[in-house]
Amino acid sequence: MKIDPRSHVPIYLQIADGIREAVAAGIYSPGESLPSLRVLALDVQVNPNTVQRAYDELARDGLIYSRRGKGLFVAEQGKANALERARKTVRRLFDQGVQAGHSAGMDANDIRAVFQASMSAKEKQ
């Protein structure tokens, strides 16, 4: 997980988003334990309170749950929740891109071409 301290996105949200992405990608499976607060804090070099805030955010979203004395685990519906949130984020960003294209005078074909070029570039990575 990469954290950018210069980003306008708060660090706890960067951590939460990184875990969401890992769950959506299947890196963490339902029922699997997550790193402890201290371990993750050391790994990303932040205060444990920052990790706690990220974990609280994920718990509120139903992505993870706590088992007293055992740790934090990915919820059964965690992957579905993470994918749904990713879809909403991508849709919002697509909407912004389409709006920016329209504002610049691009027609639908121009916008599709930009999208296709972006997808092609990503597939080559």
C-alpha atoms as a PDB file:
ATOM      1  CA  MET A   1       0.000   0.000   0.000  1.00  0.00           C
ATOM      2  CA  LYS A   2       1.401   3.346  -1.021  1.00  0.00           C
ATOM      3  CA  ILE A   3       0.685   6.443   1.069  1.00  0.00           C
ATOM      4  CA  ASP A   4       1.286   9.926  -0.307  1.00  0.00           C
ATOM      5  CA  PRO A   5       1.676  12.401   2.582  1.00  0.00           C
ATOM      6  CA  ARG A   6       1.506  15.302   0.080  1.00  0.00           C
ATOM      7  CA  SER A   7      -1.891  14.217  -1.233  1.00  0.00           C
ATOM      8  CA  HIS A   8      -4.981  16.273  -0.486  1.00  0.00           C
ATOM      9  CA  VAL A   9      -6.641  12.988   0.545  1.00  0.00           C
ATOM     10  CA  PRO A  10      -6.278  12.369   4.287  1.00  0.00           C
ATOM     11  CA  ILE A  11      -3.898   9.540   5.132  1.00  0.00           C
ATOM     12  CA  TYR A  12      -6.551   7.503   6.933  1.00  0.00           C
ATOM     13  CA  LEU A  13      -8.675   7.552   3.762  1.00  0.00           C
ATOM     14  CA  GLN A  14      -5.679   6.523   1.665  1.00  0.00           C
ATOM     15  CA  ILE A  15      -5.218   3.543   3.988  1.00  0.00           C
ATOM     16  CA  ALA A  16      -8.937   2.679   3.878  1.00  0.00           C
ATOM     17  CA  ASP A  17      -8.944   2.935   0.075  1.00  0.00           C
ATOM     18  CA  GLY A  18      -5.859   0.723  -0.140  1.00  0.00           C
ATOM     19  CA  ILE A  19      -7.539  -1.960   1.941  1.00  0.00           C
ATOM     20  CA  ARG A  20     -10.767  -1.623  -0.081  1.00  0.00           C
ATOM     21  CA  GLU A  21      -8.761  -2.147  -3.268  1.00  0.00           C
ATOM     22  CA  ALA A  22      -7.020  -5.178  -1.775  1.00  0.00           C
ATOM     23  CA  VAL A  23     -10.350  -6.701  -0.746  1.00  0.00           C
ATOM     24  CA  ALA A  24     -11.911  -5.980  -4.156  1.00  0.00           C
ATOM     25  CA  ALA A  25      -8.890  -7.555  -5.876  1.00  0.00           C
ATOM     26  CA  GLY A  26      -9.113 -10.667  -3.687  1.00  0.00           C
ATOM     27  CA  ILE A  27      -5.854 -10.059  -1.838  1.00  0.00           C
ATOM     28  CA  TYR A  28      -7.846 -10.290   1.388  1.00  0.00           C
ATOM     29  CA  SER A  29     -10.639 -12.865   1.336  1.00  0.00           C
ATOM     30  CA  PRO A  30     -13.815 -12.939   3.440  1.00  0.00           C
ATOM     31  CA  GLY A  31     -12.985 -14.179   6.933  1.00  0.00           C
ATOM     32  CA  GLU A  32      -9.287 -13.434   6.528  1.00  0.00           C
ATOM     33  CA  SER A  33      -7.587 -11.374   9.218  1.00  0.00           C
ATOM     34  CA  LEU A  34      -6.135  -7.948   8.509  1.00  0.00           C
ATOM     35  CA  PRO A  35      -2.814  -6.679   9.834  1.00  0.00           C
ATOM     36  CA  SER A  36      -2.958  -5.384  13.398  1.00  0.00           C
ATOM     37  CA  LEU A  37      -3.022  -1.632  13.992  1.00  0.00           C
ATOM     38  CA  ARG A  38       0.596  -1.585  15.068  1.00  0.00           C
ATOM     39  CA  VAL A  39       1.842  -3.749  12.212  1.00  0.00           C
ATOM     40  CA  LEU A  40       0.082  -1.689   9.559  1.00  0.00           C
ATOM     41  CA  ALA A  41       1.132   1.573  11.239  1.00  0.00           C
ATOM     42  CA  LEU A  42       4.768   0.458  11.120  1.00  0.00           C
ATOM     43  CA  ASP A  43       4.397  -0.753   7.552  1.00  0.00           C
ATOM     44  CA  VAL A  44       3.015   2.550   6.216  1.00  0.00           C
ATOM     45  CA  GLN A  45       4.910   4.649   8.787  1.00  0.00           C
ATOM     46  CA  VAL A  46       1.964   6.431  10.389  1.00  0.00           C
ATOM     47  CA  ASN A  47       0.537   6.802  13.864  1.00  0.00           C
ATOM     48  CA  PRO A  48      -1.567   3.806  14.998  1.00  0.00           C
ATOM     49  CA  ASN A  49      -4.462   6.219  15.600  1.00  0.00           C
ATOM     50  CA  THR A  50      -4.480   6.952  11.866  1.00  0.00           C
ATOM     51  CA  VAL A  51      -4.805   3.237  11.098  1.00  0.00           C
ATOM     52  CA  GLN A  52      -7.550   2.953  13.736  1.00  0.00           C
ATOM     53  CA  ARG A  53      -9.460   5.727  11.983  1.00  0.00           C
ATOM     54  CA  ALA A  54      -9.115   3.873   8.652  1.00  0.00           C
ATOM     55  CA  TYR A  55     -10.307   0.628  10.223  1.00  0.00           C
ATOM     56  CA  ASP A  56     -13.255   2.460  11.826  1.00  0.00           C
ATOM     57  CA  GLU A  57     -14.206   3.807   8.381  1.00  0.00           C
ATOM     58  CA  LEU A  58     -14.061   0.306   6.887  1.00  0.00           C
ATOM     59  CA  ALA A  59     -16.130  -1.139   9.730  1.00  0.00           C
ATOM     60  CA  ARG A  60     -18.805   1.545   9.243  1.00  0.00           C
ATOM     61  CA  ASP A  61     -18.934   0.581   5.564  1.00  0.00           C
ATOM     62  CA  GLY A  62     -19.433  -3.092   6.472  1.00  0.00           C
ATOM     63  CA  LEU A  63     -16.162  -4.148   4.864  1.00  0.00           C
ATOM     64  CA  ILE A  64     -14.529  -5.464   8.042  1.00  0.00           C
ATOM     65  CA  TYR A  65     -15.532  -6.544  11.516  1.00  0.00           C
ATOM     66  CA  SER A  66     -13.789  -7.008  14.841  1.00  0.00           C
ATOM     67  CA  ARG A  67     -13.649 -10.155  16.944  1.00  0.00           C
ATOM     68  CA  ARG A  68     -12.741  -9.251  20.481  1.00  0.00           C
ATOM     69  CA  GLY A  69      -9.293 -10.508  21.337  1.00  0.00           C
ATOM     70  CA  LYS A  70      -8.814 -11.983  17.852  1.00  0.00           C
ATOM     71  CA  GLY A  71      -8.418  -8.961  15.564  1.00  0.00           C
ATOM     72  CA  LEU A  72     -10.042  -7.522  12.482  1.00  0.00           C
ATOM     73  CA  PHE A  73     -11.425  -9.621   9.650  1.00  0.00           C
ATOM     74  CA  VAL A  74     -12.879  -9.116   6.182  1.00  0.00           C
ATOM     75  CA  ALA A  75     -16.656  -9.381   6.266  1.00  0.00           C
ATOM     76  CA  GLU A  76     -18.430 -11.988   4.117  1.00  0.00           C
ATOM     77  CA  GLN A  77     -19.951  -9.214   1.998  1.00  0.00           C
ATOM     78  CA  GLY A  78     -16.658  -7.265   2.081  1.00  0.00           C
ATOM     79  CA  LYS A  79     -15.626  -7.948  -1.506  1.00  0.00           C
ATOM     80  CA  ALA A  80     -19.093  -7.090  -2.833  1.00  0.00           C
ATOM     81  CA  ASN A  81     -19.106  -3.857  -0.809  1.00  0.00           C
ATOM     82  CA  ALA A  82     -15.629  -2.923  -2.042  1.00  0.00           C
ATOM     83  CA  LEU A  83     -16.536  -3.609  -5.670  1.00  0.00           C
ATOM     84  CA  GLU A  84     -19.747  -1.599  -5.413  1.00  0.00           C
ATOM     85  CA  ARG A  85     -17.880   1.364  -3.967  1.00  0.00           C
ATOM     86  CA  ALA A  86     -15.275   1.066  -6.733  1.00  0.00           C
ATOM     87  CA  ARG A  87     -18.034   1.067  -9.364  1.00  0.00           C
ATOM     88  CA  LYS A  88     -19.564   4.211  -7.879  1.00  0.00           C
ATOM     89  CA  THR A  89     -16.167   5.927  -7.792  1.00  0.00           C
ATOM     90  CA  VAL A  90     -15.383   4.990 -11.390  1.00  0.00           C
ATOM     91  CA  ARG A  91     -18.831   6.147 -12.515  1.00  0.00           C
ATOM     92  CA  ARG A  92     -18.383   9.486 -10.742  1.00  0.00           C
ATOM     93  CA  LEU A  93     -14.975   9.964 -12.354  1.00  0.00           C
ATOM     94  CA  PHE A  94     -16.323   8.986 -15.788  1.00  0.00           C
ATOM     95  CA  ASP A  95     -19.141  11.497 -15.341  1.00  0.00           C
ATOM     96  CA  GLN A  96     -16.585  14.193 -14.517  1.00  0.00           C
ATOM     97  CA  GLY A  97     -14.493  13.239 -17.557  1.00  0.00           C
ATOM     98  CA  VAL A  98     -17.500  13.310 -19.876  1.00  0.00           C
ATOM     99  CA  GLN A  99     -18.510  16.695 -18.476  1.00  0.00           C
ATOM    100  CA  ALA A 100     -14.961  18.025 -18.973  1.00  0.00           C
ATOM    101  CA  GLY A 101     -14.977  16.746 -22.557  1.00  0.00           C
ATOM    102  CA  HIS A 102     -18.335  18.347 -23.301  1.00  0.00           C
ATOM    103  CA  SER A 103     -17.182  21.604 -21.734  1.00  0.00           C
ATOM    104  CA  ALA A 104     -14.131  21.533 -24.030  1.00  0.00           C
ATOM    105  CA  GLY A 105     -16.340  21.048 -27.074  1.00  0.00           C
ATOM    106  CA  MET A 106     -15.674  17.345 -27.613  1.00  0.00           C
ATOM    107  CA  ASP A 107     -18.429  15.189 -29.069  1.00  0.00           C
ATOM    108  CA  ALA A 108     -19.305  11.663 -27.916  1.00  0.00           C
ATOM    109  CA  ASN A 109     -16.974  10.047 -30.477  1.00  0.00           C
ATOM    110  CA  ASP A 110     -14.022  12.148 -29.285  1.00  0.00           C
ATOM    111  CA  ILE A 111     -14.721  11.211 -25.678  1.00  0.00           C
ATOM    112  CA  ARG A 112     -15.028   7.507 -26.587  1.00  0.00           C
ATOM    113  CA  ALA A 113     -11.710   7.693 -28.437  1.00  0.00           C
ATOM    114  CA  VAL A 114     -10.004   9.171 -25.376  1.00  0.00           C
ATOM    115  CA  PHE A 115     -11.541   6.439 -23.209  1.00  0.00           C
ATOM    116  CA  GLN A 116     -10.399   3.706 -25.621  1.00  0.00           C
ATOM    117  CA  ALA A 117      -6.873   5.160 -25.728  1.00  0.00           C
ATOM    118  CA  SER A 118      -6.769   5.192 -21.937  1.00  0.00           C
ATOM    119  CA  MET A 119      -7.961   1.565 -21.734  1.00  0.00           C
ATOM    120  CA  SER A 120      -5.422   0.490 -24.381  1.00  0.00           C
ATOM    121  CA  ALA A 121      -2.576   2.201 -22.510  1.00  0.00           C
ATOM    122  CA  LYS A 122      -3.601   0.512 -19.261  1.00  0.00           C
ATOM    123  CA  GLU A 123      -3.784  -2.913 -20.910  1.00  0.00           C
ATOM    124  CA  LYS A 124      -0.192  -2.512 -22.149  1.00  0.00           C
ATOM    125  CA  GLN A 125       1.133  -1.891 -18.641  1.00  0.00           C
END
